[in-house]
Amino acid sequence: FFQGFLPDAHPMAMVCGVVGALSSF
């Protein structure tokens, strides 16, 4: 999932998206 973010994205943006995606697993 992290590959969909730009490297300079704020880490909170990544965490927010990835945590929400956990439900799909």
PDB file of all heavy atoms in Angstrom:
ATOM      1  N   PHE A   1       0.826  -1.206   0.000  1.00  0.00           N
ATOM      2  CA  PHE A   1       0.000   0.000   0.000  1.00  0.00           C
ATOM      3  C   PHE A   1       0.862   1.259   0.000  1.00  0.00           C
ATOM      4  O   PHE A   1       0.485   2.285  -0.552  1.00  0.00           O
ATOM      5  CB  PHE A   1      -0.917   0.016   1.233  1.00  0.00           C
ATOM      6  CG  PHE A   1      -2.163  -0.822   1.089  1.00  0.00           C
ATOM      7  CD1 PHE A   1      -2.113  -2.075   0.518  1.00  0.00           C
ATOM      8  CD2 PHE A   1      -3.380  -0.348   1.543  1.00  0.00           C
ATOM      9  CE1 PHE A   1      -3.243  -2.855   0.396  1.00  0.00           C
ATOM     10  CE2 PHE A   1      -4.530  -1.124   1.428  1.00  0.00           C
ATOM     11  CZ  PHE A   1      -4.460  -2.379   0.849  1.00  0.00           C
ATOM     12  N   PHE A   2       2.009   1.184   0.668  1.00  0.00           N
ATOM     13  CA  PHE A   2       2.853   2.371   0.783  1.00  0.00           C
ATOM     14  C   PHE A   2       3.355   2.850  -0.574  1.00  0.00           C
ATOM     15  O   PHE A   2       3.661   4.034  -0.737  1.00  0.00           O
ATOM     16  CB  PHE A   2       4.033   2.081   1.720  1.00  0.00           C
ATOM     17  CG  PHE A   2       3.643   1.995   3.164  1.00  0.00           C
ATOM     18  CD1 PHE A   2       3.304   0.778   3.730  1.00  0.00           C
ATOM     19  CD2 PHE A   2       3.611   3.130   3.962  1.00  0.00           C
ATOM     20  CE1 PHE A   2       2.941   0.689   5.071  1.00  0.00           C
ATOM     21  CE2 PHE A   2       3.251   3.052   5.295  1.00  0.00           C
ATOM     22  CZ  PHE A   2       2.905   1.834   5.858  1.00  0.00           C
ATOM     23  N   GLN A   3       3.440   1.937  -1.541  1.00  0.00           N
ATOM     24  CA  GLN A   3       3.941   2.315  -2.856  1.00  0.00           C
ATOM     25  C   GLN A   3       3.008   3.312  -3.556  1.00  0.00           C
ATOM     26  O   GLN A   3       3.414   3.975  -4.515  1.00  0.00           O
ATOM     27  CB  GLN A   3       4.112   1.069  -3.731  1.00  0.00           C
ATOM     28  CG  GLN A   3       5.010  -0.002  -3.137  1.00  0.00           C
ATOM     29  CD  GLN A   3       6.387   0.508  -2.788  1.00  0.00           C
ATOM     30  OE1 GLN A   3       6.972   1.269  -3.557  1.00  0.00           O
ATOM     31  NE2 GLN A   3       6.913   0.106  -1.637  1.00  0.00           N
ATOM     32  N   GLY A   4       1.780   3.429  -3.071  1.00  0.00           N
ATOM     33  CA  GLY A   4       0.843   4.371  -3.671  1.00  0.00           C
ATOM     34  C   GLY A   4       1.023   5.800  -3.194  1.00  0.00           C
ATOM     35  O   GLY A   4       0.384   6.723  -3.718  1.00  0.00           O
ATOM     36  N   PHE A   5       1.898   6.009  -2.194  1.00  0.00           N
ATOM     37  CA  PHE A   5       2.135   7.351  -1.670  1.00  0.00           C
ATOM     38  C   PHE A   5       3.407   7.934  -2.264  1.00  0.00           C
ATOM     39  O   PHE A   5       4.375   7.218  -2.542  1.00  0.00           O
ATOM     40  CB  PHE A   5       2.298   7.312  -0.143  1.00  0.00           C
ATOM     41  CG  PHE A   5       1.055   6.917   0.599  1.00  0.00           C
ATOM     42  CD1 PHE A   5       0.886   5.602   1.035  1.00  0.00           C
ATOM     43  CD2 PHE A   5       0.061   7.836   0.870  1.00  0.00           C
ATOM     44  CE1 PHE A   5      -0.257   5.222   1.725  1.00  0.00           C
ATOM     45  CE2 PHE A   5      -1.087   7.462   1.556  1.00  0.00           C
ATOM     46  CZ  PHE A   5      -1.243   6.164   1.980  1.00  0.00           C
ATOM     47  N   LEU A   6       3.421   9.235  -2.461  1.00  0.00           N
ATOM     48  CA  LEU A   6       4.661   9.904  -2.833  1.00  0.00           C
ATOM     49  C   LEU A   6       5.624   9.833  -1.651  1.00  0.00           C
ATOM     50  O   LEU A   6       5.194   9.898  -0.487  1.00  0.00           O
ATOM     51  CB  LEU A   6       4.390  11.366  -3.201  1.00  0.00           C
ATOM     52  CG  LEU A   6       3.561  11.598  -4.478  1.00  0.00           C
ATOM     53  CD1 LEU A   6       3.276  13.084  -4.659  1.00  0.00           C
ATOM     54  CD2 LEU A   6       4.281  11.036  -5.692  1.00  0.00           C
ATOM     55  N   PRO A   7       6.910   9.727  -1.893  1.00  0.00           N
ATOM     56  CA  PRO A   7       7.864   9.603  -0.785  1.00  0.00           C
ATOM     57  C   PRO A   7       7.843  10.778   0.188  1.00  0.00           C
ATOM     58  O   PRO A   7       8.182  10.615   1.362  1.00  0.00           O
ATOM     59  CB  PRO A   7       9.223   9.507  -1.504  1.00  0.00           C
ATOM     60  CG  PRO A   7       8.894   8.975  -2.858  1.00  0.00           C
ATOM     61  CD  PRO A   7       7.559   9.560  -3.202  1.00  0.00           C
ATOM     62  N   ASP A   8       7.450  11.967  -0.293  1.00  0.00           N
ATOM     63  CA  ASP A   8       7.429  13.123   0.596  1.00  0.00           C
ATOM     64  C   ASP A   8       6.057  13.352   1.244  1.00  0.00           C
ATOM     65  O   ASP A   8       5.810  14.397   1.843  1.00  0.00           O
ATOM     66  CB  ASP A   8       7.867  14.391  -0.147  1.00  0.00           C
ATOM     67  CG  ASP A   8       6.954  14.745  -1.317  1.00  0.00           C
ATOM     68  OD1 ASP A   8       6.079  13.916  -1.670  1.00  0.00           O
ATOM     69  OD2 ASP A   8       7.116  15.851  -1.877  1.00  0.00           O
ATOM     70  N   ALA A   9       5.160  12.365   1.135  1.00  0.00           N
ATOM     71  CA  ALA A   9       3.863  12.476   1.811  1.00  0.00           C
ATOM     72  C   ALA A   9       4.071  12.500   3.317  1.00  0.00           C
ATOM     73  O   ALA A   9       5.013  11.886   3.843  1.00  0.00           O
ATOM     74  CB  ALA A   9       2.974  11.295   1.428  1.00  0.00           C
ATOM     75  N   HIS A  10       3.195  13.199   4.023  1.00  0.00           N
ATOM     76  CA  HIS A  10       3.307  13.226   5.481  1.00  0.00           C
ATOM     77  C   HIS A  10       3.033  11.822   6.019  1.00  0.00           C
ATOM     78  O   HIS A  10       2.090  11.146   5.579  1.00  0.00           O
ATOM     79  CB  HIS A  10       2.304  14.215   6.076  1.00  0.00           C
ATOM     80  CG  HIS A  10       2.610  14.585   7.502  1.00  0.00           C
ATOM     81  ND1 HIS A  10       2.461  13.707   8.556  1.00  0.00           N
ATOM     82  CD2 HIS A  10       3.069  15.746   8.041  1.00  0.00           C
ATOM     83  CE1 HIS A  10       2.815  14.304   9.678  1.00  0.00           C
ATOM     84  NE2 HIS A  10       3.186  15.551   9.389  1.00  0.00           N
ATOM     85  N   PRO A  11       3.856  11.330   6.969  1.00  0.00           N
ATOM     86  CA  PRO A  11       3.640   9.984   7.510  1.00  0.00           C
ATOM     87  C   PRO A  11       2.244   9.765   8.088  1.00  0.00           C
ATOM     88  O   PRO A  11       1.728   8.640   8.048  1.00  0.00           O
ATOM     89  CB  PRO A  11       4.710   9.867   8.602  1.00  0.00           C
ATOM     90  CG  PRO A  11       5.800  10.791   8.163  1.00  0.00           C
ATOM     91  CD  PRO A  11       5.099  11.932   7.488  1.00  0.00           C
ATOM     92  N   MET A  12       1.598  10.828   8.585  1.00  0.00           N
ATOM     93  CA  MET A  12       0.245  10.670   9.114  1.00  0.00           C
ATOM     94  C   MET A  12      -0.743  10.326   8.007  1.00  0.00           C
ATOM     95  O   MET A  12      -1.714   9.601   8.233  1.00  0.00           O
ATOM     96  CB  MET A  12      -0.205  11.926   9.850  1.00  0.00           C
ATOM     97  CG  MET A  12       0.351  12.053  11.251  1.00  0.00           C
ATOM     98  SD  MET A  12      -0.271  10.809  12.405  1.00  0.00           S
ATOM     99  CE  MET A  12      -1.830  11.539  12.899  1.00  0.00           C
ATOM    100  N   ALA A  13      -0.506  10.842   6.795  1.00  0.00           N
ATOM    101  CA  ALA A  13      -1.366  10.494   5.665  1.00  0.00           C
ATOM    102  C   ALA A  13      -1.256   9.005   5.366  1.00  0.00           C
ATOM    103  O   ALA A  13      -2.259   8.332   5.102  1.00  0.00           O
ATOM    104  CB  ALA A  13      -0.973  11.317   4.437  1.00  0.00           C
ATOM    105  N   MET A  14      -0.033   8.491   5.412  1.00  0.00           N
ATOM    106  CA  MET A  14       0.172   7.063   5.169  1.00  0.00           C
ATOM    107  C   MET A  14      -0.495   6.220   6.248  1.00  0.00           C
ATOM    108  O   MET A  14      -1.205   5.245   5.953  1.00  0.00           O
ATOM    109  CB  MET A  14       1.666   6.751   5.130  1.00  0.00           C
ATOM    110  CG  MET A  14       2.454   7.511   4.088  1.00  0.00           C
ATOM    111  SD  MET A  14       4.180   6.940   4.048  1.00  0.00           S
ATOM    112  CE  MET A  14       5.013   8.415   3.471  1.00  0.00           C
ATOM    113  N   VAL A  15      -0.276   6.583   7.504  1.00  0.00           N
ATOM    114  CA  VAL A  15      -0.823   5.807   8.617  1.00  0.00           C
ATOM    115  C   VAL A  15      -2.343   5.812   8.577  1.00  0.00           C
ATOM    116  O   VAL A  15      -2.993   4.773   8.767  1.00  0.00           O
ATOM    117  CB  VAL A  15      -0.297   6.349   9.965  1.00  0.00           C
ATOM    118  CG1 VAL A  15      -1.016   5.689  11.147  1.00  0.00           C
ATOM    119  CG2 VAL A  15       1.206   6.119  10.076  1.00  0.00           C
ATOM    120  N   CYS A  16      -2.927   6.970   8.322  1.00  0.00           N
ATOM    121  CA  CYS A  16      -4.388   7.083   8.274  1.00  0.00           C
ATOM    122  C   CYS A  16      -4.961   6.148   7.210  1.00  0.00           C
ATOM    123  O   CYS A  16      -5.924   5.408   7.461  1.00  0.00           O
ATOM    124  CB  CYS A  16      -4.777   8.528   7.985  1.00  0.00           C
ATOM    125  SG  CYS A  16      -6.547   8.870   8.135  1.00  0.00           S
ATOM    126  N   GLY A  17      -4.353   6.149   6.013  1.00  0.00           N
ATOM    127  CA  GLY A  17      -4.846   5.309   4.936  1.00  0.00           C
ATOM    128  C   GLY A  17      -4.631   3.828   5.187  1.00  0.00           C
ATOM    129  O   GLY A  17      -5.532   3.004   4.961  1.00  0.00           O
ATOM    130  N   VAL A  18      -3.443   3.474   5.678  1.00  0.00           N
ATOM    131  CA  VAL A  18      -3.111   2.063   5.862  1.00  0.00           C
ATOM    132  C   VAL A  18      -3.914   1.452   7.003  1.00  0.00           C
ATOM    133  O   VAL A  18      -4.389   0.311   6.903  1.00  0.00           O
ATOM    134  CB  VAL A  18      -1.595   1.898   6.089  1.00  0.00           C
ATOM    135  CG1 VAL A  18      -1.252   0.470   6.480  1.00  0.00           C
ATOM    136  CG2 VAL A  18      -0.822   2.293   4.831  1.00  0.00           C
ATOM    137  N   VAL A  19      -4.106   2.194   8.086  1.00  0.00           N
ATOM    138  CA  VAL A  19      -4.903   1.665   9.203  1.00  0.00           C
ATOM    139  C   VAL A  19      -6.340   1.413   8.754  1.00  0.00           C
ATOM    140  O   VAL A  19      -6.939   0.383   9.078  1.00  0.00           O
ATOM    141  CB  VAL A  19      -4.868   2.633  10.413  1.00  0.00           C
ATOM    142  CG1 VAL A  19      -5.893   2.225  11.464  1.00  0.00           C
ATOM    143  CG2 VAL A  19      -3.478   2.644  11.031  1.00  0.00           C
ATOM    144  N   GLY A  20      -6.913   2.344   8.007  1.00  0.00           N
ATOM    145  CA  GLY A  20      -8.263   2.131   7.506  1.00  0.00           C
ATOM    146  C   GLY A  20      -8.370   0.912   6.616  1.00  0.00           C
ATOM    147  O   GLY A  20      -9.386   0.198   6.623  1.00  0.00           O
ATOM    148  N   ALA A  21      -7.278   0.633   5.878  1.00  0.00           N
ATOM    149  CA  ALA A  21      -7.283  -0.511   4.963  1.00  0.00           C
ATOM    150  C   ALA A  21      -7.164  -1.847   5.686  1.00  0.00           C
ATOM    151  O   ALA A  21      -7.429  -2.898   5.087  1.00  0.00           O
ATOM    152  CB  ALA A  21      -6.139  -0.371   3.962  1.00  0.00           C
ATOM    153  N   LEU A  22      -6.771  -1.838   6.959  1.00  0.00           N
ATOM    154  CA  LEU A  22      -6.621  -3.098   7.695  1.00  0.00           C
ATOM    155  C   LEU A  22      -7.910  -3.921   7.705  1.00  0.00           C
ATOM    156  O   LEU A  22      -7.862  -5.156   7.736  1.00  0.00           O
ATOM    157  CB  LEU A  22      -6.190  -2.818   9.143  1.00  0.00           C
ATOM    158  CG  LEU A  22      -4.703  -2.589   9.411  1.00  0.00           C
ATOM    159  CD1 LEU A  22      -4.495  -2.151  10.844  1.00  0.00           C
ATOM    160  CD2 LEU A  22      -3.893  -3.842   9.105  1.00  0.00           C
ATOM    161  N   SER A  23      -9.048  -3.244   7.681  1.00  0.00           N
ATOM    162  CA  SER A  23     -10.314  -3.975   7.743  1.00  0.00           C
ATOM    163  C   SER A  23     -10.485  -4.924   6.563  1.00  0.00           C
ATOM    164  O   SER A  23     -11.159  -5.947   6.668  1.00  0.00           O
ATOM    165  CB  SER A  23     -11.500  -2.994   7.789  1.00  0.00           C
ATOM    166  OG  SER A  23     -11.536  -2.202   6.617  1.00  0.00           O
ATOM    167  N   SER A  24      -9.852  -4.601   5.440  1.00  0.00           N
ATOM    168  CA  SER A  24      -9.982  -5.456   4.265  1.00  0.00           C
ATOM    169  C   SER A  24      -9.237  -6.775   4.422  1.00  0.00           C
ATOM    170  O   SER A  24      -9.460  -7.717   3.658  1.00  0.00           O
ATOM    171  CB  SER A  24      -9.483  -4.725   3.012  1.00  0.00           C
ATOM    172  OG  SER A  24      -8.094  -4.464   3.098  1.00  0.00           O
ATOM    173  N   PHE A  25      -8.365  -6.858   5.420  1.00  0.00           N
ATOM    174  CA  PHE A  25      -7.626  -8.093   5.677  1.00  0.00           C
ATOM    175  C   PHE A  25      -8.306  -8.961   6.748  1.00  0.00           C
ATOM    176  O   PHE A  25      -7.932 -10.111   6.937  1.00  0.00           O
ATOM    177  CB  PHE A  25      -6.195  -7.762   6.126  1.00  0.00           C
ATOM    178  CG  PHE A  25      -5.357  -7.157   5.043  1.00  0.00           C
ATOM    179  CD1 PHE A  25      -5.395  -5.783   4.810  1.00  0.00           C
ATOM    180  CD2 PHE A  25      -4.552  -7.938   4.228  1.00  0.00           C
ATOM    181  CE1 PHE A  25      -4.631  -5.211   3.805  1.00  0.00           C
ATOM    182  CE2 PHE A  25      -3.796  -7.375   3.220  1.00  0.00           C
ATOM    183  CZ  PHE A  25      -3.830  -6.012   3.004  1.00  0.00           C
TER     184      PHE A  25
END
